[in-house]
Amino acid sequence: MDKVEAIKELIEEMRPFINMDGGDIEFIKYDEEEKIVYVKLTGACSVCLNQGDTLNSGLLYAIQEKVAEVKDVVNVSL
């Protein structure tokens, strides 16, 4: 499986948990050179004070299980 597809699949697996808190997550892109995944958090997650925990302790850890080279997950506001 390609890296981007693995990341997208994992985000889809995490989506129900994020939805339970009134938010949502959208994959934006994976920067292969920088090894950074860009996502957009919406709903309650877009203003949550625990956003960093969700991205770094939850999502990053889970993504690194499938794509070990990923260094960071960044929320972007579009």
PDB file of N, CA and C in Angstrom:
ATOM      1  N   MET A   1       0.848  -1.186   0.000  1.00  0.00           N
ATOM      2  CA  MET A   1       0.000   0.000   0.000  1.00  0.00           C
ATOM      3  C   MET A   1       0.889   1.243   0.000  1.00  0.00           C
ATOM      4  N   ASP A   2       0.521   2.194  -0.762  1.00  0.00           N
ATOM      5  CA  ASP A   2       1.230   3.470  -0.864  1.00  0.00           C
ATOM      6  C   ASP A   2       1.096   4.252   0.450  1.00  0.00           C
ATOM      7  N   LYS A   3       2.083   5.069   0.765  1.00  0.00           N
ATOM      8  CA  LYS A   3       2.116   5.817   2.036  1.00  0.00           C
ATOM      9  C   LYS A   3       0.897   6.706   2.216  1.00  0.00           C
ATOM     10  N   VAL A   4       0.542   7.447   1.177  1.00  0.00           N
ATOM     11  CA  VAL A   4      -0.592   8.367   1.264  1.00  0.00           C
ATOM     12  C   VAL A   4      -1.881   7.585   1.508  1.00  0.00           C
ATOM     13  N   GLU A   5      -2.044   6.470   0.832  1.00  0.00           N
ATOM     14  CA  GLU A   5      -3.242   5.655   1.029  1.00  0.00           C
ATOM     15  C   GLU A   5      -3.294   5.088   2.439  1.00  0.00           C
ATOM     16  N   ALA A   6      -2.147   4.687   2.973  1.00  0.00           N
ATOM     17  CA  ALA A   6      -2.092   4.173   4.346  1.00  0.00           C
ATOM     18  C   ALA A   6      -2.477   5.263   5.347  1.00  0.00           C
ATOM     19  N   ILE A   7      -1.999   6.474   5.115  1.00  0.00           N
ATOM     20  CA  ILE A   7      -2.322   7.604   5.995  1.00  0.00           C
ATOM     21  C   ILE A   7      -3.811   7.927   5.910  1.00  0.00           C
ATOM     22  N   LYS A   8      -4.344   7.991   4.700  1.00  0.00           N
ATOM     23  CA  LYS A   8      -5.769   8.281   4.520  1.00  0.00           C
ATOM     24  C   LYS A   8      -6.635   7.210   5.184  1.00  0.00           C
ATOM     25  N   GLU A   9      -6.232   5.962   5.042  1.00  0.00           N
ATOM     26  CA  GLU A   9      -6.982   4.858   5.642  1.00  0.00           C
ATOM     27  C   GLU A   9      -7.008   4.993   7.167  1.00  0.00           C
ATOM     28  N   LEU A  10      -5.878   5.337   7.733  1.00  0.00           N
ATOM     29  CA  LEU A  10      -5.804   5.484   9.178  1.00  0.00           C
ATOM     30  C   LEU A  10      -6.662   6.655   9.656  1.00  0.00           C
ATOM     31  N   ILE A  11      -6.639   7.752   8.919  1.00  0.00           N
ATOM     32  CA  ILE A  11      -7.473   8.904   9.280  1.00  0.00           C
ATOM     33  C   ILE A  11      -8.948   8.506   9.246  1.00  0.00           C
ATOM     34  N   GLU A  12      -9.337   7.710   8.265  1.00  0.00           N
ATOM     35  CA  GLU A  12     -10.727   7.244   8.198  1.00  0.00           C
ATOM     36  C   GLU A  12     -11.067   6.361   9.395  1.00  0.00           C
ATOM     37  N   GLU A  13     -10.110   5.575   9.871  1.00  0.00           N
ATOM     38  CA  GLU A  13     -10.322   4.734  11.054  1.00  0.00           C
ATOM     39  C   GLU A  13     -10.481   5.589  12.313  1.00  0.00           C
ATOM     40  N   MET A  14      -9.786   6.719  12.370  1.00  0.00           N
ATOM     41  CA  MET A  14      -9.833   7.603  13.537  1.00  0.00           C
ATOM     42  C   MET A  14     -11.050   8.533  13.523  1.00  0.00           C
ATOM     43  N   ARG A  15     -11.598   8.769  12.342  1.00  0.00           N
ATOM     44  CA  ARG A  15     -12.695   9.728  12.178  1.00  0.00           C
ATOM     45  C   ARG A  15     -13.862   9.490  13.153  1.00  0.00           C
ATOM     46  N   PRO A  16     -14.357   8.263  13.351  1.00  0.00           N
ATOM     47  CA  PRO A  16     -15.488   8.079  14.274  1.00  0.00           C
ATOM     48  C   PRO A  16     -15.195   8.565  15.703  1.00  0.00           C
ATOM     49  N   PHE A  17     -13.966   8.403  16.155  1.00  0.00           N
ATOM     50  CA  PHE A  17     -13.594   8.856  17.497  1.00  0.00           C
ATOM     51  C   PHE A  17     -13.598  10.386  17.579  1.00  0.00           C
ATOM     52  N   ILE A  18     -13.144  11.013  16.525  1.00  0.00           N
ATOM     53  CA  ILE A  18     -13.142  12.475  16.471  1.00  0.00           C
ATOM     54  C   ILE A  18     -14.573  12.994  16.351  1.00  0.00           C
ATOM     55  N   ASN A  19     -15.386  12.284  15.566  1.00  0.00           N
ATOM     56  CA  ASN A  19     -16.801  12.665  15.418  1.00  0.00           C
ATOM     57  C   ASN A  19     -17.546  12.590  16.747  1.00  0.00           C
ATOM     58  N   MET A  20     -17.189  11.653  17.610  1.00  0.00           N
ATOM     59  CA  MET A  20     -17.861  11.513  18.906  1.00  0.00           C
ATOM     60  C   MET A  20     -17.685  12.756  19.772  1.00  0.00           C
ATOM     61  N   ASP A  21     -16.615  13.510  19.541  1.00  0.00           N
ATOM     62  CA  ASP A  21     -16.368  14.731  20.299  1.00  0.00           C
ATOM     63  C   ASP A  21     -16.891  15.971  19.581  1.00  0.00           C
ATOM     64  N   GLY A  22     -17.642  15.764  18.495  1.00  0.00           N
ATOM     65  CA  GLY A  22     -18.238  16.894  17.783  1.00  0.00           C
ATOM     66  C   GLY A  22     -17.348  17.514  16.727  1.00  0.00           C
ATOM     67  N   GLY A  23     -16.291  16.813  16.359  1.00  0.00           N
ATOM     68  CA  GLY A  23     -15.369  17.343  15.354  1.00  0.00           C
ATOM     69  C   GLY A  23     -15.261  16.447  14.145  1.00  0.00           C
ATOM     70  N   ASP A  24     -14.367  16.806  13.272  1.00  0.00           N
ATOM     71  CA  ASP A  24     -14.073  15.998  12.095  1.00  0.00           C
ATOM     72  C   ASP A  24     -12.642  16.283  11.671  1.00  0.00           C
ATOM     73  N   ILE A  25     -12.122  15.430  10.818  1.00  0.00           N
ATOM     74  CA  ILE A  25     -10.753  15.565  10.332  1.00  0.00           C
ATOM     75  C   ILE A  25     -10.727  15.270   8.842  1.00  0.00           C
ATOM     76  N   GLU A  26      -9.938  16.043   8.129  1.00  0.00           N
ATOM     77  CA  GLU A  26      -9.803  15.875   6.681  1.00  0.00           C
ATOM     78  C   GLU A  26      -8.316  15.815   6.329  1.00  0.00           C
ATOM     79  N   PHE A  27      -7.932  14.830   5.522  1.00  0.00           N
ATOM     80  CA  PHE A  27      -6.563  14.735   5.025  1.00  0.00           C
ATOM     81  C   PHE A  27      -6.372  15.837   3.996  1.00  0.00           C
ATOM     82  N   ILE A  28      -5.282  16.596   4.127  1.00  0.00           N
ATOM     83  CA  ILE A  28      -4.967  17.644   3.148  1.00  0.00           C
ATOM     84  C   ILE A  28      -3.851  17.169   2.222  1.00  0.00           C
ATOM     85  N   LYS A  29      -2.691  16.804   2.812  1.00  0.00           N
ATOM     86  CA  LYS A  29      -1.590  16.314   1.975  1.00  0.00           C
ATOM     87  C   LYS A  29      -0.511  15.689   2.852  1.00  0.00           C
ATOM     88  N   TYR A  30       0.373  14.950   2.204  1.00  0.00           N
ATOM     89  CA  TYR A  30       1.556  14.420   2.858  1.00  0.00           C
ATOM     90  C   TYR A  30       2.762  14.985   2.138  1.00  0.00           C
ATOM     91  N   ASP A  31       3.610  15.709   2.858  1.00  0.00           N
ATOM     92  CA  ASP A  31       4.837  16.270   2.294  1.00  0.00           C
ATOM     93  C   ASP A  31       5.930  15.224   2.439  1.00  0.00           C
ATOM     94  N   GLU A  32       6.223  14.554   1.356  1.00  0.00           N
ATOM     95  CA  GLU A  32       7.201  13.454   1.341  1.00  0.00           C
ATOM     96  C   GLU A  32       8.594  13.931   1.753  1.00  0.00           C
ATOM     97  N   GLU A  33       8.961  15.128   1.340  1.00  0.00           N
ATOM     98  CA  GLU A  33      10.290  15.657   1.643  1.00  0.00           C
ATOM     99  C   GLU A  33      10.444  15.987   3.131  1.00  0.00           C
ATOM    100  N   GLU A  34       9.450  16.659   3.694  1.00  0.00           N
ATOM    101  CA  GLU A  34       9.498  17.067   5.100  1.00  0.00           C
ATOM    102  C   GLU A  34       8.993  15.979   6.041  1.00  0.00           C
ATOM    103  N   LYS A  35       8.292  14.983   5.474  1.00  0.00           N
ATOM    104  CA  LYS A  35       7.719  13.872   6.264  1.00  0.00           C
ATOM    105  C   LYS A  35       6.635  14.379   7.221  1.00  0.00           C
ATOM    106  N   ILE A  36       5.804  15.317   6.733  1.00  0.00           N
ATOM    107  CA  ILE A  36       4.748  15.916   7.542  1.00  0.00           C
ATOM    108  C   ILE A  36       3.388  15.643   6.899  1.00  0.00           C
ATOM    109  N   VAL A  37       2.443  15.232   7.727  1.00  0.00           N
ATOM    110  CA  VAL A  37       1.067  15.036   7.294  1.00  0.00           C
ATOM    111  C   VAL A  37       0.292  16.297   7.659  1.00  0.00           C
ATOM    112  N   TYR A  38      -0.431  16.838   6.694  1.00  0.00           N
ATOM    113  CA  TYR A  38      -1.257  18.016   6.922  1.00  0.00           C
ATOM    114  C   TYR A  38      -2.725  17.596   6.922  1.00  0.00           C
ATOM    115  N   VAL A  39      -3.433  17.998   7.971  1.00  0.00           N
ATOM    116  CA  VAL A  39      -4.849  17.696   8.103  1.00  0.00           C
ATOM    117  C   VAL A  39      -5.587  18.977   8.439  1.00  0.00           C
ATOM    118  N   LYS A  40      -6.908  18.909   8.333  1.00  0.00           N
ATOM    119  CA  LYS A  40      -7.738  20.038   8.753  1.00  0.00           C
ATOM    120  C   LYS A  40      -8.741  19.512   9.762  1.00  0.00           C
ATOM    121  N   LEU A  41      -8.678  20.036  10.977  1.00  0.00           N
ATOM    122  CA  LEU A  41      -9.645  19.708  12.007  1.00  0.00           C
ATOM    123  C   LEU A  41     -10.791  20.701  11.919  1.00  0.00           C
ATOM    124  N   THR A  42     -12.022  20.198  11.979  1.00  0.00           N
ATOM    125  CA  THR A  42     -13.190  21.062  11.886  1.00  0.00           C
ATOM    126  C   THR A  42     -14.129  20.779  13.052  1.00  0.00           C
ATOM    127  N   GLY A  43     -15.185  21.554  13.129  1.00  0.00           N
ATOM    128  CA  GLY A  43     -16.157  21.389  14.202  1.00  0.00           C
ATOM    129  C   GLY A  43     -15.525  21.725  15.544  1.00  0.00           C
ATOM    130  N   ALA A  44     -15.921  20.994  16.565  1.00  0.00           N
ATOM    131  CA  ALA A  44     -15.414  21.246  17.915  1.00  0.00           C
ATOM    132  C   ALA A  44     -13.897  21.092  17.989  1.00  0.00           C
ATOM    133  N   CYS A  45     -13.331  20.243  17.168  1.00  0.00           N
ATOM    134  CA  CYS A  45     -11.877  20.011  17.204  1.00  0.00           C
ATOM    135  C   CYS A  45     -11.073  21.217  16.710  1.00  0.00           C
ATOM    136  N   SER A  46     -11.691  22.066  15.911  1.00  0.00           N
ATOM    137  CA  SER A  46     -10.959  23.214  15.361  1.00  0.00           C
ATOM    138  C   SER A  46     -10.623  24.259  16.420  1.00  0.00           C
ATOM    139  N   VAL A  47     -11.356  24.249  17.531  1.00  0.00           N
ATOM    140  CA  VAL A  47     -11.111  25.226  18.591  1.00  0.00           C
ATOM    141  C   VAL A  47     -10.770  24.576  19.933  1.00  0.00           C
ATOM    142  N   CYS A  48     -10.596  23.287  19.928  1.00  0.00           N
ATOM    143  CA  CYS A  48     -10.345  22.541  21.167  1.00  0.00           C
ATOM    144  C   CYS A  48      -8.948  22.825  21.711  1.00  0.00           C
ATOM    145  N   LEU A  49      -8.863  22.985  23.017  1.00  0.00           N
ATOM    146  CA  LEU A  49      -7.569  23.217  23.659  1.00  0.00           C
ATOM    147  C   LEU A  49      -6.698  21.965  23.669  1.00  0.00           C
ATOM    148  N   ASN A  50      -7.292  20.801  23.457  1.00  0.00           N
ATOM    149  CA  ASN A  50      -6.546  19.537  23.439  1.00  0.00           C
ATOM    150  C   ASN A  50      -6.171  19.101  22.025  1.00  0.00           C
ATOM    151  N   GLN A  51      -6.268  20.014  21.092  1.00  0.00           N
ATOM    152  CA  GLN A  51      -5.957  19.721  19.694  1.00  0.00           C
ATOM    153  C   GLN A  51      -4.558  19.120  19.536  1.00  0.00           C
ATOM    154  N   GLY A  52      -3.587  19.667  20.237  1.00  0.00           N
ATOM    155  CA  GLY A  52      -2.216  19.167  20.160  1.00  0.00           C
ATOM    156  C   GLY A  52      -2.111  17.733  20.624  1.00  0.00           C
ATOM    157  N   ASP A  53      -2.842  17.382  21.674  1.00  0.00           N
ATOM    158  CA  ASP A  53      -2.839  16.001  22.152  1.00  0.00           C
ATOM    159  C   ASP A  53      -3.434  15.064  21.115  1.00  0.00           C
ATOM    160  N   THR A  54      -4.528  15.485  20.508  1.00  0.00           N
ATOM    161  CA  THR A  54      -5.167  14.664  19.480  1.00  0.00           C
ATOM    162  C   THR A  54      -4.205  14.401  18.332  1.00  0.00           C
ATOM    163  N   LEU A  55      -3.523  15.456  17.890  1.00  0.00           N
ATOM    164  CA  LEU A  55      -2.621  15.320  16.744  1.00  0.00           C
ATOM    165  C   LEU A  55      -1.339  14.586  17.094  1.00  0.00           C
ATOM    166  N   ASN A  56      -0.710  14.955  18.194  1.00  0.00           N
ATOM    167  CA  ASN A  56       0.613  14.411  18.497  1.00  0.00           C
ATOM    168  C   ASN A  56       0.599  13.117  19.295  1.00  0.00           C
ATOM    169  N   SER A  57      -0.264  13.006  20.256  1.00  0.00           N
ATOM    170  CA  SER A  57      -0.290  11.799  21.073  1.00  0.00           C
ATOM    171  C   SER A  57      -1.152  10.714  20.449  1.00  0.00           C
ATOM    172  N   GLY A  58      -2.167  11.121  19.728  1.00  0.00           N
ATOM    173  CA  GLY A  58      -3.072  10.142  19.138  1.00  0.00           C
ATOM    174  C   GLY A  58      -2.771   9.840  17.689  1.00  0.00           C
ATOM    175  N   LEU A  59      -3.018  10.816  16.853  1.00  0.00           N
ATOM    176  CA  LEU A  59      -2.924  10.604  15.406  1.00  0.00           C
ATOM    177  C   LEU A  59      -1.498  10.330  14.936  1.00  0.00           C
ATOM    178  N   LEU A  60      -0.536  11.112  15.391  1.00  0.00           N
ATOM    179  CA  LEU A  60       0.850  10.906  14.963  1.00  0.00           C
ATOM    180  C   LEU A  60       1.331   9.513  15.333  1.00  0.00           C
ATOM    181  N   TYR A  61       1.070   9.118  16.559  1.00  0.00           N
ATOM    182  CA  TYR A  61       1.488   7.790  17.020  1.00  0.00           C
ATOM    183  C   TYR A  61       0.871   6.695  16.145  1.00  0.00           C
ATOM    184  N   ALA A  62      -0.422   6.820  15.865  1.00  0.00           N
ATOM    185  CA  ALA A  62      -1.113   5.820  15.050  1.00  0.00           C
ATOM    186  C   ALA A  62      -0.569   5.794  13.621  1.00  0.00           C
ATOM    187  N   ILE A  63      -0.317   6.964  13.053  1.00  0.00           N
ATOM    188  CA  ILE A  63       0.221   7.022  11.690  1.00  0.00           C
ATOM    189  C   ILE A  63       1.619   6.402  11.649  1.00  0.00           C
ATOM    190  N   GLN A  64       2.438   6.692  12.637  1.00  0.00           N
ATOM    191  CA  GLN A  64       3.799   6.154  12.655  1.00  0.00           C
ATOM    192  C   GLN A  64       3.826   4.635  12.763  1.00  0.00           C
ATOM    193  N   GLU A  65       2.754   4.038  13.263  1.00  0.00           N
ATOM    194  CA  GLU A  65       2.658   2.577  13.297  1.00  0.00           C
ATOM    195  C   GLU A  65       2.619   2.008  11.882  1.00  0.00           C
ATOM    196  N   LYS A  66       2.036   2.759  10.947  1.00  0.00           N
ATOM    197  CA  LYS A  66       1.918   2.308   9.558  1.00  0.00           C
ATOM    198  C   LYS A  66       2.971   2.920   8.647  1.00  0.00           C
ATOM    199  N   VAL A  67       3.330   4.183   8.899  1.00  0.00           N
ATOM    200  CA  VAL A  67       4.317   4.891   8.078  1.00  0.00           C
ATOM    201  C   VAL A  67       5.328   5.510   9.047  1.00  0.00           C
ATOM    202  N   ALA A  68       6.321   4.731   9.409  1.00  0.00           N
ATOM    203  CA  ALA A  68       7.262   5.097  10.479  1.00  0.00           C
ATOM    204  C   ALA A  68       8.017   6.397  10.224  1.00  0.00           C
ATOM    205  N   GLU A  69       8.211   6.768   8.981  1.00  0.00           N
ATOM    206  CA  GLU A  69       9.017   7.951   8.665  1.00  0.00           C
ATOM    207  C   GLU A  69       8.321   9.282   8.946  1.00  0.00           C
ATOM    208  N   VAL A  70       7.009   9.271   9.166  1.00  0.00           N
ATOM    209  CA  VAL A  70       6.272  10.514   9.427  1.00  0.00           C
ATOM    210  C   VAL A  70       6.800  11.149  10.707  1.00  0.00           C
ATOM    211  N   LYS A  71       7.127  12.451  10.623  1.00  0.00           N
ATOM    212  CA  LYS A  71       7.699  13.168  11.759  1.00  0.00           C
ATOM    213  C   LYS A  71       6.691  14.029  12.504  1.00  0.00           C
ATOM    214  N   ASP A  72       5.628  14.464  11.807  1.00  0.00           N
ATOM    215  CA  ASP A  72       4.700  15.378  12.456  1.00  0.00           C
ATOM    216  C   ASP A  72       3.360  15.364  11.740  1.00  0.00           C
ATOM    217  N   VAL A  73       2.330  15.773  12.475  1.00  0.00           N
ATOM    218  CA  VAL A  73       0.990  15.985  11.914  1.00  0.00           C
ATOM    219  C   VAL A  73       0.624  17.425  12.259  1.00  0.00           C
ATOM    220  N   VAL A  74       0.274  18.193  11.228  1.00  0.00           N
ATOM    221  CA  VAL A  74       0.005  19.623  11.399  1.00  0.00           C
ATOM    222  C   VAL A  74      -1.423  19.935  10.961  1.00  0.00           C
ATOM    223  N   ASN A  75      -2.132  20.679  11.808  1.00  0.00           N
ATOM    224  CA  ASN A  75      -3.454  21.154  11.460  1.00  0.00           C
ATOM    225  C   ASN A  75      -3.316  22.456  10.674  1.00  0.00           C
ATOM    226  N   VAL A  76      -4.007  22.535   9.562  1.00  0.00           N
ATOM    227  CA  VAL A  76      -3.992  23.769   8.764  1.00  0.00           C
ATOM    228  C   VAL A  76      -5.385  24.366   8.769  1.00  0.00           C
ATOM    229  N   SER A  77      -5.456  25.658   8.709  1.00  0.00           N
ATOM    230  CA  SER A  77      -6.754  26.314   8.595  1.00  0.00           C
ATOM    231  C   SER A  77      -6.857  26.884   7.184  1.00  0.00           C
ATOM    232  N   LEU A  78      -7.833  26.418   6.467  1.00  0.00           N
ATOM    233  CA  LEU A  78      -7.997  26.854   5.065  1.00  0.00           C
ATOM    234  C   LEU A  78      -9.157  27.801   4.937  1.00  0.00           C
TER     235      LEU A  78
END
